[in-house]
Amino acid sequence: MRHLGNLSGAAVVAAVVITLSGCGPASPGAGETVSPTVSPGASDSTTSPGTGSQPATDSPASASASGSATLPAGWKTFTTSDGELSFDHPSEWSIKDPAGATPQGGGVFVEVKNPAGKSMATLRTNMVTGAECTTKQPYGMLDSEPLPALKQSGSTPRFTFESRQDSTATDPAKMTVLAYGITSAPEPTGPTACPIFHFFTWPPSGAMFGGVYNPFDTTPGNAPNVDTPEAYMGTPEYKNIRAMITSLRPAS
């Protein structure tokens, strides 16, 4: 497994978003191909949960993708409106459902936020994905775990927390981008890798469940002095995000 060394705050991108063919937060229509990349940009605006935000209802304990047989204390289970997928999350986090336009052919689009309104992760389904690897960059694989509960057609997706470095960038804030999520892409080998591809195979086409790491985010409640991905991995926020995403599983 390839790891990054310590990165100074100036060497990490100020904000990163997963861009879907330039469509921003809107999910594509059925049959529309998504070309995922990770690029510098503005993070979602910080808003308190309002219309469309709903706390998950209590649910019986169930087996998670990471093998947990019971919910952690203070956690709840959320099941998507189509009854296809479930995941666990801290009870104080809220679910915005729907979080935006859903594909014309169906699917779900939900966003998980903490009490301060900071986006923890986004889940979307019924996405047709297509990847182009025009440029490879140095990468860091900081965390990786297979998710057998999501296995499809012999392929087991993985949860990853990874980075890409742009050696051509002159702005230190744009030299490194980092994101976490589920991917069906093979784990990179060698010194360079294609752009981050946080999409995984899920009927009828593909899905995504992930988010981004922004060390310069000023949302109230953030842990102080967390300006490297290694430090972020030690925070309760990252540990909760990881546990939530790796708990994704078929609802039935």
Foldseek 3Di string as FASTA:
>chain_A
DFADDWDFLQQAAQDKWWAWVNPPQAAEAAPDATATFIFHDDDDDFDADDVQKAFADADAADAFLVGDRGDDPQKHKHAFPVQWKIWIAHRQKIKRWAPHHAHPVDWTWIWIAHRLRHTLKIKTDNHAYDYDFPDKFFKRWPDKDWRVQQDDPNFTKIWTWMKGADPPDPRSNGGMWIWIWIDRDDDDDDGIDGGDDQWYADPPHIMIMITGDRQNDPRPPDDPPPSTVVSVCPDPSVVRSVRGRSRMHTSD
